[in-house]
Amino acid sequence: MPRANSPSKTDAQQRAAKVLRALQDIQSASADDELTIIKISEPISSAVSNPVVARTSDVSTSSLDSPTPSSLEADLLHYKELFAKLRFSYVEQVTKEKFIRAIVGDPPLIVTPQENADLESSNAEAKAALKKLKTEVADMVGALESRSKNLVQRYEKIRTDTARLQPDQLPADVSRLENEIKSLREKQKDSDGKLPLKETLRRVAERRREMAELDRQLTQLGSLAPRKRKEAERLQQELTGLEARRSNSTAAAREAKRRKENSVEGGGEDELEAQGRWLRGADAVLRSVLDIQGEM
């Protein structure tokens, strides 16, 4: 008897083959429309290769033979500088021509201060409008640059995904993923997520009993904490007294040792020992005189 999932597997294989054929058709159709930096620069290259409009600037045309983003950016900067110089020269030439015509004209052109003020006002308005337009153009250029970078990233991702969907790569990836799925299913056979309801409830009840026991122990330890704290304070006080007595005993022992060493080095008896001998002698004399019997 055939397996139940055989027809679905065959349908999946047929759909995969259909997708691969469609992908190949799209790739063959768009092979000539691939977006590259060389094709973007074709109008510039064709303009340079035209003998009528020959390029006379000091920028080398080698960058157009093999254009790169950095070379195109350098050319753009160079053209901006050239156009800025050309505009300055044009304005200077037109201004000189108007000035000469105004002087040598018949009658000569006389400009009043009011006309100068009006012209300055209109120039200020035109400059403000031009500055606003430049700001808008700069914002538009920034938006276009960010969008172009996003499109480049998407384009590279599509190329990578297309390469992964090639017939020589797709079966290997499918086989690898199937092996991973099989290993994951084997690991999940004995997991807690696959337990029946009865076993799950039993484990939940067991965990709740453990939590209740821990709560009871915490409550018991919390009630014992004040008594243990008082006992610790009492022991700390006793320890402080013992530390003081030890310090005094240590000091007395050191003093006795020092006096003993001094008496040995001086060759004489210790003062306390001499006093003890004198007291014992006096006690013996008094006992003999008074006829007192007893132990000294």
C-alpha atoms as a PDB file:
ATOM      1  CA  MET A   1       0.000   0.000   0.000  1.00  0.00           C
ATOM      2  CA  PRO A   2       1.589   3.390  -0.956  1.00  0.00           C
ATOM      3  CA  ARG A   3       2.299   5.919   1.756  1.00  0.00           C
ATOM      4  CA  ALA A   4      -0.159   8.741   2.333  1.00  0.00           C
ATOM      5  CA  ASN A   5       2.375  11.527   1.838  1.00  0.00           C
ATOM      6  CA  SER A   6       3.667  10.346  -1.548  1.00  0.00           C
ATOM      7  CA  PRO A   7       1.242  12.426  -3.694  1.00  0.00           C
ATOM      8  CA  SER A   8       1.994  15.589  -1.701  1.00  0.00           C
ATOM      9  CA  LYS A   9       5.718  14.974  -2.038  1.00  0.00           C
ATOM     10  CA  THR A  10       5.333  14.547  -5.796  1.00  0.00           C
ATOM     11  CA  ASP A  11       3.301  17.762  -6.002  1.00  0.00           C
ATOM     12  CA  ALA A  12       5.984  19.602  -4.049  1.00  0.00           C
ATOM     13  CA  GLN A  13       8.656  18.336  -6.423  1.00  0.00           C
ATOM     14  CA  GLN A  14       6.599  19.430  -9.421  1.00  0.00           C
ATOM     15  CA  ARG A  15       6.080  22.895  -7.915  1.00  0.00           C
ATOM     16  CA  ALA A  16       9.807  23.169  -7.187  1.00  0.00           C
ATOM     17  CA  ALA A  17      10.630  22.237 -10.785  1.00  0.00           C
ATOM     18  CA  LYS A  18       8.127  24.801 -12.069  1.00  0.00           C
ATOM     19  CA  VAL A  19       9.671  27.488  -9.850  1.00  0.00           C
ATOM     20  CA  LEU A  20      13.155  26.618 -11.097  1.00  0.00           C
ATOM     21  CA  ARG A  21      12.031  26.857 -14.732  1.00  0.00           C
ATOM     22  CA  ALA A  22      10.397  30.231 -14.082  1.00  0.00           C
ATOM     23  CA  LEU A  23      13.555  31.433 -12.350  1.00  0.00           C
ATOM     24  CA  GLN A  24      15.700  30.380 -15.280  1.00  0.00           C
ATOM     25  CA  ASP A  25      13.366  32.165 -17.710  1.00  0.00           C
ATOM     26  CA  ILE A  26      13.553  35.353 -15.644  1.00  0.00           C
ATOM     27  CA  GLN A  27      17.345  35.154 -15.493  1.00  0.00           C
ATOM     28  CA  SER A  28      17.667  34.598 -19.236  1.00  0.00           C
ATOM     29  CA  ALA A  29      15.250  37.468 -19.941  1.00  0.00           C
ATOM     30  CA  SER A  30      16.968  39.917 -17.600  1.00  0.00           C
ATOM     31  CA  ALA A  31      20.537  38.964 -18.467  1.00  0.00           C
ATOM     32  CA  ASP A  32      20.873  41.975 -20.751  1.00  0.00           C
ATOM     33  CA  ASP A  33      19.193  44.333 -18.281  1.00  0.00           C
ATOM     34  CA  GLU A  34      21.618  43.833 -15.415  1.00  0.00           C
ATOM     35  CA  LEU A  35      22.248  47.088 -13.592  1.00  0.00           C
ATOM     36  CA  THR A  36      25.966  47.831 -13.363  1.00  0.00           C
ATOM     37  CA  ILE A  37      28.070  50.916 -12.910  1.00  0.00           C
ATOM     38  CA  ILE A  38      29.442  50.485 -16.431  1.00  0.00           C
ATOM     39  CA  LYS A  39      25.996  50.707 -18.006  1.00  0.00           C
ATOM     40  CA  ILE A  40      25.144  53.715 -15.894  1.00  0.00           C
ATOM     41  CA  SER A  41      28.220  55.498 -17.248  1.00  0.00           C
ATOM     42  CA  GLU A  42      27.567  54.620 -20.901  1.00  0.00           C
ATOM     43  CA  PRO A  43      26.078  58.085 -21.774  1.00  0.00           C
ATOM     44  CA  ILE A  44      29.170  59.802 -20.346  1.00  0.00           C
ATOM     45  CA  SER A  45      31.492  57.394 -22.138  1.00  0.00           C
ATOM     46  CA  SER A  46      29.684  57.911 -25.431  1.00  0.00           C
ATOM     47  CA  ALA A  47      29.915  61.674 -24.999  1.00  0.00           C
ATOM     48  CA  VAL A  48      33.649  61.435 -24.408  1.00  0.00           C
ATOM     49  CA  SER A  49      34.169  59.106 -27.351  1.00  0.00           C
ATOM     50  CA  ASN A  50      32.368  61.593 -29.659  1.00  0.00           C
ATOM     51  CA  PRO A  51      35.095  63.449 -31.634  1.00  0.00           C
ATOM     52  CA  VAL A  52      32.919  66.547 -31.993  1.00  0.00           C
ATOM     53  CA  VAL A  53      32.530  67.088 -28.263  1.00  0.00           C
ATOM     54  CA  ALA A  54      36.016  66.213 -27.106  1.00  0.00           C
ATOM     55  CA  ARG A  55      36.955  66.470 -23.465  1.00  0.00           C
ATOM     56  CA  THR A  56      39.626  69.091 -22.805  1.00  0.00           C
ATOM     57  CA  SER A  57      39.773  69.030 -19.030  1.00  0.00           C
ATOM     58  CA  ASP A  58      42.716  67.727 -17.068  1.00  0.00           C
ATOM     59  CA  VAL A  59      40.786  64.711 -15.759  1.00  0.00           C
ATOM     60  CA  SER A  60      41.940  61.485 -17.373  1.00  0.00           C
ATOM     61  CA  THR A  61      39.449  59.527 -19.459  1.00  0.00           C
ATOM     62  CA  SER A  62      40.844  56.262 -18.157  1.00  0.00           C
ATOM     63  CA  SER A  63      38.267  56.343 -15.355  1.00  0.00           C
ATOM     64  CA  LEU A  64      35.504  56.126 -17.961  1.00  0.00           C
ATOM     65  CA  ASP A  65      37.086  53.109 -19.605  1.00  0.00           C
ATOM     66  CA  SER A  66      36.725  51.183 -16.341  1.00  0.00           C
ATOM     67  CA  PRO A  67      34.460  53.340 -14.157  1.00  0.00           C
ATOM     68  CA  THR A  68      34.166  52.786 -10.437  1.00  0.00           C
ATOM     69  CA  PRO A  69      32.138  54.649  -7.805  1.00  0.00           C
ATOM     70  CA  SER A  70      35.243  56.464  -6.557  1.00  0.00           C
ATOM     71  CA  SER A  71      36.319  57.541 -10.061  1.00  0.00           C
ATOM     72  CA  LEU A  72      32.816  58.779 -10.939  1.00  0.00           C
ATOM     73  CA  GLU A  73      32.671  60.715  -7.673  1.00  0.00           C
ATOM     74  CA  ALA A  74      36.046  62.342  -8.498  1.00  0.00           C
ATOM     75  CA  ASP A  75      34.765  63.283 -11.979  1.00  0.00           C
ATOM     76  CA  LEU A  76      31.600  64.758 -10.468  1.00  0.00           C
ATOM     77  CA  LEU A  77      33.634  66.884  -8.065  1.00  0.00           C
ATOM     78  CA  HIS A  78      35.854  68.055 -10.927  1.00  0.00           C
ATOM     79  CA  TYR A  79      32.843  69.039 -13.063  1.00  0.00           C
ATOM     80  CA  LYS A  80      31.353  70.967 -10.149  1.00  0.00           C
ATOM     81  CA  GLU A  81      34.557  72.957  -9.792  1.00  0.00           C
ATOM     82  CA  LEU A  82      34.642  73.646 -13.552  1.00  0.00           C
ATOM     83  CA  PHE A  83      31.035  74.839 -13.627  1.00  0.00           C
ATOM     84  CA  ALA A  84      31.652  77.056 -10.583  1.00  0.00           C
ATOM     85  CA  LYS A  85      34.598  78.709 -12.371  1.00  0.00           C
ATOM     86  CA  LEU A  86      32.587  79.031 -15.573  1.00  0.00           C
ATOM     87  CA  ARG A  87      29.685  80.677 -13.745  1.00  0.00           C
ATOM     88  CA  PHE A  88      32.014  83.130 -12.037  1.00  0.00           C
ATOM     89  CA  SER A  89      33.654  84.013 -15.362  1.00  0.00           C
ATOM     90  CA  TYR A  90      30.255  84.439 -17.027  1.00  0.00           C
ATOM     91  CA  VAL A  91      28.924  86.719 -14.303  1.00  0.00           C
ATOM     92  CA  GLU A  92      32.122  88.760 -14.362  1.00  0.00           C
ATOM     93  CA  GLN A  93      32.004  89.129 -18.160  1.00  0.00           C
ATOM     94  CA  VAL A  94      28.304  90.093 -18.222  1.00  0.00           C
ATOM     95  CA  THR A  95      28.833  92.616 -15.435  1.00  0.00           C
ATOM     96  CA  LYS A  96      31.736  94.255 -17.270  1.00  0.00           C
ATOM     97  CA  GLU A  97      29.735  94.380 -20.491  1.00  0.00           C
ATOM     98  CA  LYS A  98      26.734  96.007 -18.808  1.00  0.00           C
ATOM     99  CA  PHE A  99      28.958  98.523 -17.034  1.00  0.00           C
ATOM    100  CA  ILE A 100      30.724  99.526 -20.263  1.00  0.00           C
ATOM    101  CA  ARG A 101      27.434  99.828 -22.143  1.00  0.00           C
ATOM    102  CA  ALA A 102      26.003 101.961 -19.364  1.00  0.00           C
ATOM    103  CA  ILE A 103      28.989 104.337 -19.546  1.00  0.00           C
ATOM    104  CA  VAL A 104      29.322 104.679 -23.310  1.00  0.00           C
ATOM    105  CA  GLY A 105      25.607 104.696 -24.038  1.00  0.00           C
ATOM    106  CA  ASP A 106      23.838 107.712 -25.375  1.00  0.00           C
ATOM    107  CA  PRO A 107      22.324 108.850 -23.153  1.00  0.00           C
ATOM    108  CA  PRO A 108      24.337 107.128 -20.360  1.00  0.00           C
ATOM    109  CA  LEU A 109      22.429 104.868 -18.009  1.00  0.00           C
ATOM    110  CA  ILE A 110      22.006 106.519 -14.617  1.00  0.00           C
ATOM    111  CA  VAL A 111      20.906 104.351 -11.685  1.00  0.00           C
ATOM    112  CA  THR A 112      19.274 106.031  -8.737  1.00  0.00           C
ATOM    113  CA  PRO A 113      19.789 104.949  -5.101  1.00  0.00           C
ATOM    114  CA  GLN A 114      16.164 103.809  -4.951  1.00  0.00           C
ATOM    115  CA  GLU A 115      16.721 101.502  -7.895  1.00  0.00           C
ATOM    116  CA  ASN A 116      19.810 100.085  -6.160  1.00  0.00           C
ATOM    117  CA  ALA A 117      17.789  99.515  -2.990  1.00  0.00           C
ATOM    118  CA  ASP A 118      15.019  97.801  -4.937  1.00  0.00           C
ATOM    119  CA  LEU A 119      17.564  95.671  -6.753  1.00  0.00           C
ATOM    120  CA  GLU A 120      19.227  94.669  -3.487  1.00  0.00           C
ATOM    121  CA  SER A 121      15.826  93.760  -2.005  1.00  0.00           C
ATOM    122  CA  SER A 122      14.932  91.619  -5.032  1.00  0.00           C
ATOM    123  CA  ASN A 123      18.389  90.022  -4.924  1.00  0.00           C
ATOM    124  CA  ALA A 124      17.927  89.180  -1.242  1.00  0.00           C
ATOM    125  CA  GLU A 125      14.579  87.545  -1.979  1.00  0.00           C
ATOM    126  CA  ALA A 126      16.071  85.643  -4.912  1.00  0.00           C
ATOM    127  CA  LYS A 127      18.981  84.488  -2.726  1.00  0.00           C
ATOM    128  CA  ALA A 128      16.600  83.277  -0.013  1.00  0.00           C
ATOM    129  CA  ALA A 129      14.537  81.377  -2.590  1.00  0.00           C
ATOM    130  CA  LEU A 130      17.706  79.930  -4.115  1.00  0.00           C
ATOM    131  CA  LYS A 131      18.969  78.860  -0.685  1.00  0.00           C
ATOM    132  CA  LYS A 132      15.650  77.164   0.026  1.00  0.00           C
ATOM    133  CA  LEU A 133      15.797  75.372  -3.317  1.00  0.00           C
ATOM    134  CA  LYS A 134      19.381  74.264  -2.626  1.00  0.00           C
ATOM    135  CA  THR A 135      18.307  72.880   0.748  1.00  0.00           C
ATOM    136  CA  GLU A 136      15.449  70.990  -0.857  1.00  0.00           C
ATOM    137  CA  VAL A 137      17.782  69.629  -3.544  1.00  0.00           C
ATOM    138  CA  ALA A 138      20.306  68.553  -0.879  1.00  0.00           C
ATOM    139  CA  ASP A 139      17.557  66.760   1.064  1.00  0.00           C
ATOM    140  CA  MET A 140      16.348  65.129  -2.130  1.00  0.00           C
ATOM    141  CA  VAL A 141      19.880  64.007  -3.003  1.00  0.00           C
ATOM    142  CA  GLY A 142      20.337  62.561   0.501  1.00  0.00           C
ATOM    143  CA  ALA A 143      17.034  60.674   0.231  1.00  0.00           C
ATOM    144  CA  LEU A 144      18.033  59.366  -3.200  1.00  0.00           C
ATOM    145  CA  GLU A 145      21.404  58.232  -1.879  1.00  0.00           C
ATOM    146  CA  SER A 146      19.835  56.370   1.047  1.00  0.00           C
ATOM    147  CA  ARG A 147      17.271  54.806  -1.286  1.00  0.00           C
ATOM    148  CA  SER A 148      19.990  53.807  -3.737  1.00  0.00           C
ATOM    149  CA  LYS A 149      21.990  52.156  -0.941  1.00  0.00           C
ATOM    150  CA  ASN A 150      18.871  50.309   0.155  1.00  0.00           C
ATOM    151  CA  LEU A 151      18.241  49.193  -3.404  1.00  0.00           C
ATOM    152  CA  VAL A 152      21.827  47.998  -3.746  1.00  0.00           C
ATOM    153  CA  GLN A 153      21.493  45.927  -0.573  1.00  0.00           C
ATOM    154  CA  ARG A 154      18.213  44.452  -1.808  1.00  0.00           C
ATOM    155  CA  TYR A 155      19.733  43.775  -5.209  1.00  0.00           C
ATOM    156  CA  GLU A 156      22.703  41.958  -3.670  1.00  0.00           C
ATOM    157  CA  LYS A 157      20.365  39.956  -1.443  1.00  0.00           C
ATOM    158  CA  ILE A 158      18.265  38.973  -4.455  1.00  0.00           C
ATOM    159  CA  ARG A 159      21.387  37.909  -6.322  1.00  0.00           C
ATOM    160  CA  THR A 160      22.516  35.816  -3.362  1.00  0.00           C
ATOM    161  CA  ASP A 161      19.102  34.217  -2.989  1.00  0.00           C
ATOM    162  CA  THR A 162      18.977  33.552  -6.737  1.00  0.00           C
ATOM    163  CA  ALA A 163      22.352  31.849  -6.603  1.00  0.00           C
ATOM    164  CA  ARG A 164      21.124  29.704  -3.730  1.00  0.00           C
ATOM    165  CA  LEU A 165      18.052  28.686  -5.738  1.00  0.00           C
ATOM    166  CA  GLN A 166      20.126  27.271  -8.564  1.00  0.00           C
ATOM    167  CA  PRO A 167      19.491  23.588  -9.398  1.00  0.00           C
ATOM    168  CA  ASP A 168      22.983  22.594  -8.251  1.00  0.00           C
ATOM    169  CA  GLN A 169      22.541  24.255  -4.827  1.00  0.00           C
ATOM    170  CA  LEU A 170      18.892  23.710  -3.951  1.00  0.00           C
ATOM    171  CA  PRO A 171      18.896  19.898  -3.522  1.00  0.00           C
ATOM    172  CA  ALA A 172      21.874  20.042  -1.160  1.00  0.00           C
ATOM    173  CA  ASP A 173      20.176  22.693   0.970  1.00  0.00           C
ATOM    174  CA  VAL A 174      16.912  20.745   1.012  1.00  0.00           C
ATOM    175  CA  SER A 175      18.723  17.575   2.070  1.00  0.00           C
ATOM    176  CA  ARG A 176      20.577  19.437   4.826  1.00  0.00           C
ATOM    177  CA  LEU A 177      17.352  20.996   6.143  1.00  0.00           C
ATOM    178  CA  GLU A 178      15.583  17.636   6.096  1.00  0.00           C
ATOM    179  CA  ASN A 179      18.408  16.117   8.161  1.00  0.00           C
ATOM    180  CA  GLU A 180      18.183  18.987  10.649  1.00  0.00           C
ATOM    181  CA  ILE A 181      14.410  18.552  10.959  1.00  0.00           C
ATOM    182  CA  LYS A 182      14.846  14.821  11.521  1.00  0.00           C
ATOM    183  CA  SER A 183      17.462  15.368  14.254  1.00  0.00           C
ATOM    184  CA  LEU A 184      15.277  17.980  15.968  1.00  0.00           C
ATOM    185  CA  ARG A 185      12.297  15.644  15.969  1.00  0.00           C
ATOM    186  CA  GLU A 186      14.400  12.884  17.524  1.00  0.00           C
ATOM    187  CA  LYS A 187      15.569  15.266  20.241  1.00  0.00           C
ATOM    188  CA  GLN A 188      12.007  16.329  21.026  1.00  0.00           C
ATOM    189  CA  LYS A 189      10.617  12.826  21.456  1.00  0.00           C
ATOM    190  CA  ASP A 190      11.415  12.702  25.183  1.00  0.00           C
ATOM    191  CA  SER A 191      11.001  16.409  25.922  1.00  0.00           C
ATOM    192  CA  ASP A 192       8.492  17.784  28.448  1.00  0.00           C
ATOM    193  CA  GLY A 193       6.510  19.398  25.671  1.00  0.00           C
ATOM    194  CA  LYS A 194       5.428  15.971  24.399  1.00  0.00           C
ATOM    195  CA  LEU A 195       4.155  14.632  27.761  1.00  0.00           C
ATOM    196  CA  PRO A 196       0.528  13.544  28.040  1.00  0.00           C
ATOM    197  CA  LEU A 197      -1.916  15.614  30.071  1.00  0.00           C
ATOM    198  CA  LYS A 198      -1.969  13.253  33.060  1.00  0.00           C
ATOM    199  CA  GLU A 199       1.828  13.241  33.409  1.00  0.00           C
ATOM    200  CA  THR A 200       1.955  17.006  32.972  1.00  0.00           C
ATOM    201  CA  LEU A 201      -0.605  17.550  35.743  1.00  0.00           C
ATOM    202  CA  ARG A 202       1.319  15.178  38.015  1.00  0.00           C
ATOM    203  CA  ARG A 203       4.531  17.103  37.498  1.00  0.00           C
ATOM    204  CA  VAL A 204       2.755  20.415  38.060  1.00  0.00           C
ATOM    205  CA  ALA A 205       1.324  19.151  41.355  1.00  0.00           C
ATOM    206  CA  GLU A 206       4.774  17.903  42.384  1.00  0.00           C
ATOM    207  CA  ARG A 207       6.355  21.254  41.650  1.00  0.00           C
ATOM    208  CA  ARG A 208       3.601  23.006  43.644  1.00  0.00           C
ATOM    209  CA  ARG A 209       4.238  20.734  46.650  1.00  0.00           C
ATOM    210  CA  GLU A 210       7.941  21.534  46.451  1.00  0.00           C
ATOM    211  CA  MET A 211       7.165  25.249  46.345  1.00  0.00           C
ATOM    212  CA  ALA A 212       4.839  24.938  49.372  1.00  0.00           C
ATOM    213  CA  GLU A 213       7.559  23.076  51.325  1.00  0.00           C
ATOM    214  CA  LEU A 214      10.085  25.776  50.471  1.00  0.00           C
ATOM    215  CA  ASP A 215       7.639  28.466  51.631  1.00  0.00           C
ATOM    216  CA  ARG A 216       7.128  26.632  54.937  1.00  0.00           C
ATOM    217  CA  GLN A 217      10.875  26.358  55.489  1.00  0.00           C
ATOM    218  CA  LEU A 218      11.315  30.033  54.700  1.00  0.00           C
ATOM    219  CA  THR A 219       8.610  30.961  57.245  1.00  0.00           C
ATOM    220  CA  GLN A 220      10.203  28.760  59.920  1.00  0.00           C
ATOM    221  CA  LEU A 221      13.640  30.213  59.317  1.00  0.00           C
ATOM    222  CA  GLY A 222      12.175  33.719  59.389  1.00  0.00           C
ATOM    223  CA  SER A 223      10.717  33.096  62.899  1.00  0.00           C
ATOM    224  CA  LEU A 224      14.081  31.788  64.139  1.00  0.00           C
ATOM    225  CA  ALA A 225      15.989  34.741  62.776  1.00  0.00           C
ATOM    226  CA  PRO A 226      15.355  37.222  65.728  1.00  0.00           C
ATOM    227  CA  ARG A 227      16.451  34.671  68.361  1.00  0.00           C
ATOM    228  CA  LYS A 228      19.562  33.797  66.380  1.00  0.00           C
ATOM    229  CA  ARG A 229      20.301  37.493  65.969  1.00  0.00           C
ATOM    230  CA  LYS A 230      20.059  38.107  69.758  1.00  0.00           C
ATOM    231  CA  GLU A 231      22.274  35.087  70.444  1.00  0.00           C
ATOM    232  CA  ALA A 232      24.790  36.387  67.951  1.00  0.00           C
ATOM    233  CA  GLU A 233      24.797  39.799  69.672  1.00  0.00           C
ATOM    234  CA  ARG A 234      25.357  38.146  73.078  1.00  0.00           C
ATOM    235  CA  LEU A 235      28.213  36.060  71.735  1.00  0.00           C
ATOM    236  CA  GLN A 236      29.677  39.173  70.160  1.00  0.00           C
ATOM    237  CA  GLN A 237      29.638  40.948  73.535  1.00  0.00           C
ATOM    238  CA  GLU A 238      31.276  37.957  75.235  1.00  0.00           C
ATOM    239  CA  LEU A 239      33.840  37.824  72.489  1.00  0.00           C
ATOM    240  CA  THR A 240      34.592  41.514  73.004  1.00  0.00           C
ATOM    241  CA  GLY A 241      35.198  40.935  76.732  1.00  0.00           C
ATOM    242  CA  LEU A 242      37.406  37.934  76.059  1.00  0.00           C
ATOM    243  CA  GLU A 243      39.359  39.946  73.517  1.00  0.00           C
ATOM    244  CA  ALA A 244      39.944  42.669  76.132  1.00  0.00           C
ATOM    245  CA  ARG A 245      41.062  40.106  78.741  1.00  0.00           C
ATOM    246  CA  ARG A 246      43.359  38.476  76.222  1.00  0.00           C
ATOM    247  CA  SER A 247      44.891  41.842  75.382  1.00  0.00           C
ATOM    248  CA  ASN A 248      45.483  42.602  79.078  1.00  0.00           C
ATOM    249  CA  SER A 249      46.940  39.145  79.728  1.00  0.00           C
ATOM    250  CA  THR A 250      49.197  39.454  76.725  1.00  0.00           C
ATOM    251  CA  ALA A 251      50.424  42.860  77.872  1.00  0.00           C
ATOM    252  CA  ALA A 252      51.067  41.552  81.416  1.00  0.00           C
ATOM    253  CA  ALA A 253      52.909  38.512  80.075  1.00  0.00           C
ATOM    254  CA  ARG A 254      55.064  40.687  77.849  1.00  0.00           C
ATOM    255  CA  GLU A 255      55.866  42.995  80.766  1.00  0.00           C
ATOM    256  CA  ALA A 256      56.766  40.049  83.014  1.00  0.00           C
ATOM    257  CA  LYS A 257      58.942  38.570  80.288  1.00  0.00           C
ATOM    258  CA  ARG A 258      60.696  41.897  79.800  1.00  0.00           C
ATOM    259  CA  ARG A 259      61.365  42.301  83.522  1.00  0.00           C
ATOM    260  CA  LYS A 260      62.606  38.734  83.746  1.00  0.00           C
ATOM    261  CA  GLU A 261      64.970  39.278  80.854  1.00  0.00           C
ATOM    262  CA  ASN A 262      66.229  42.534  82.423  1.00  0.00           C
ATOM    263  CA  SER A 263      66.888  40.812  85.758  1.00  0.00           C
ATOM    264  CA  VAL A 264      68.761  37.960  84.078  1.00  0.00           C
ATOM    265  CA  GLU A 265      70.885  40.332  82.029  1.00  0.00           C
ATOM    266  CA  GLY A 266      71.666  42.518  85.141  1.00  0.00           C
ATOM    267  CA  GLY A 267      72.732  39.541  87.214  1.00  0.00           C
ATOM    268  CA  GLY A 268      70.434  40.424  90.122  1.00  0.00           C
ATOM    269  CA  GLU A 269      67.128  39.144  91.386  1.00  0.00           C
ATOM    270  CA  ASP A 270      63.831  40.431  90.304  1.00  0.00           C
ATOM    271  CA  GLU A 271      62.293  43.106  92.525  1.00  0.00           C
ATOM    272  CA  LEU A 272      59.149  41.070  93.124  1.00  0.00           C
ATOM    273  CA  GLU A 273      61.161  38.000  93.996  1.00  0.00           C
ATOM    274  CA  ALA A 274      63.220  40.016  96.481  1.00  0.00           C
ATOM    275  CA  GLN A 275      60.096  41.423  98.063  1.00  0.00           C
ATOM    276  CA  GLY A 276      58.683  37.892  98.334  1.00  0.00           C
ATOM    277  CA  ARG A 277      61.792  36.647 100.098  1.00  0.00           C
ATOM    278  CA  TRP A 278      61.663  39.547 102.552  1.00  0.00           C
ATOM    279  CA  LEU A 279      57.988  38.994 103.284  1.00  0.00           C
ATOM    280  CA  ARG A 280      58.503  35.277 103.851  1.00  0.00           C
ATOM    281  CA  GLY A 281      61.402  36.004 106.211  1.00  0.00           C
ATOM    282  CA  ALA A 282      59.396  38.597 108.140  1.00  0.00           C
ATOM    283  CA  ASP A 283      56.481  36.186 108.411  1.00  0.00           C
ATOM    284  CA  ALA A 284      58.737  33.448 109.759  1.00  0.00           C
ATOM    285  CA  VAL A 285      60.221  35.797 112.401  1.00  0.00           C
ATOM    286  CA  LEU A 286      56.792  36.945 113.539  1.00  0.00           C
ATOM    287  CA  ARG A 287      55.511  33.390 113.774  1.00  0.00           C
ATOM    288  CA  SER A 288      58.501  32.311 115.862  1.00  0.00           C
ATOM    289  CA  VAL A 289      58.203  35.308 118.176  1.00  0.00           C
ATOM    290  CA  LEU A 290      54.455  35.009 118.650  1.00  0.00           C
ATOM    291  CA  ASP A 291      54.613  31.216 118.716  1.00  0.00           C
ATOM    292  CA  ILE A 292      52.030  30.932 115.973  1.00  0.00           C
ATOM    293  CA  GLN A 293      51.664  27.484 114.457  1.00  0.00           C
ATOM    294  CA  GLY A 294      50.424  27.232 111.006  1.00  0.00           C
ATOM    295  CA  GLU A 295      51.390  26.822 107.493  1.00  0.00           C
ATOM    296  CA  MET A 296      52.926  29.734 105.735  1.00  0.00           C
END
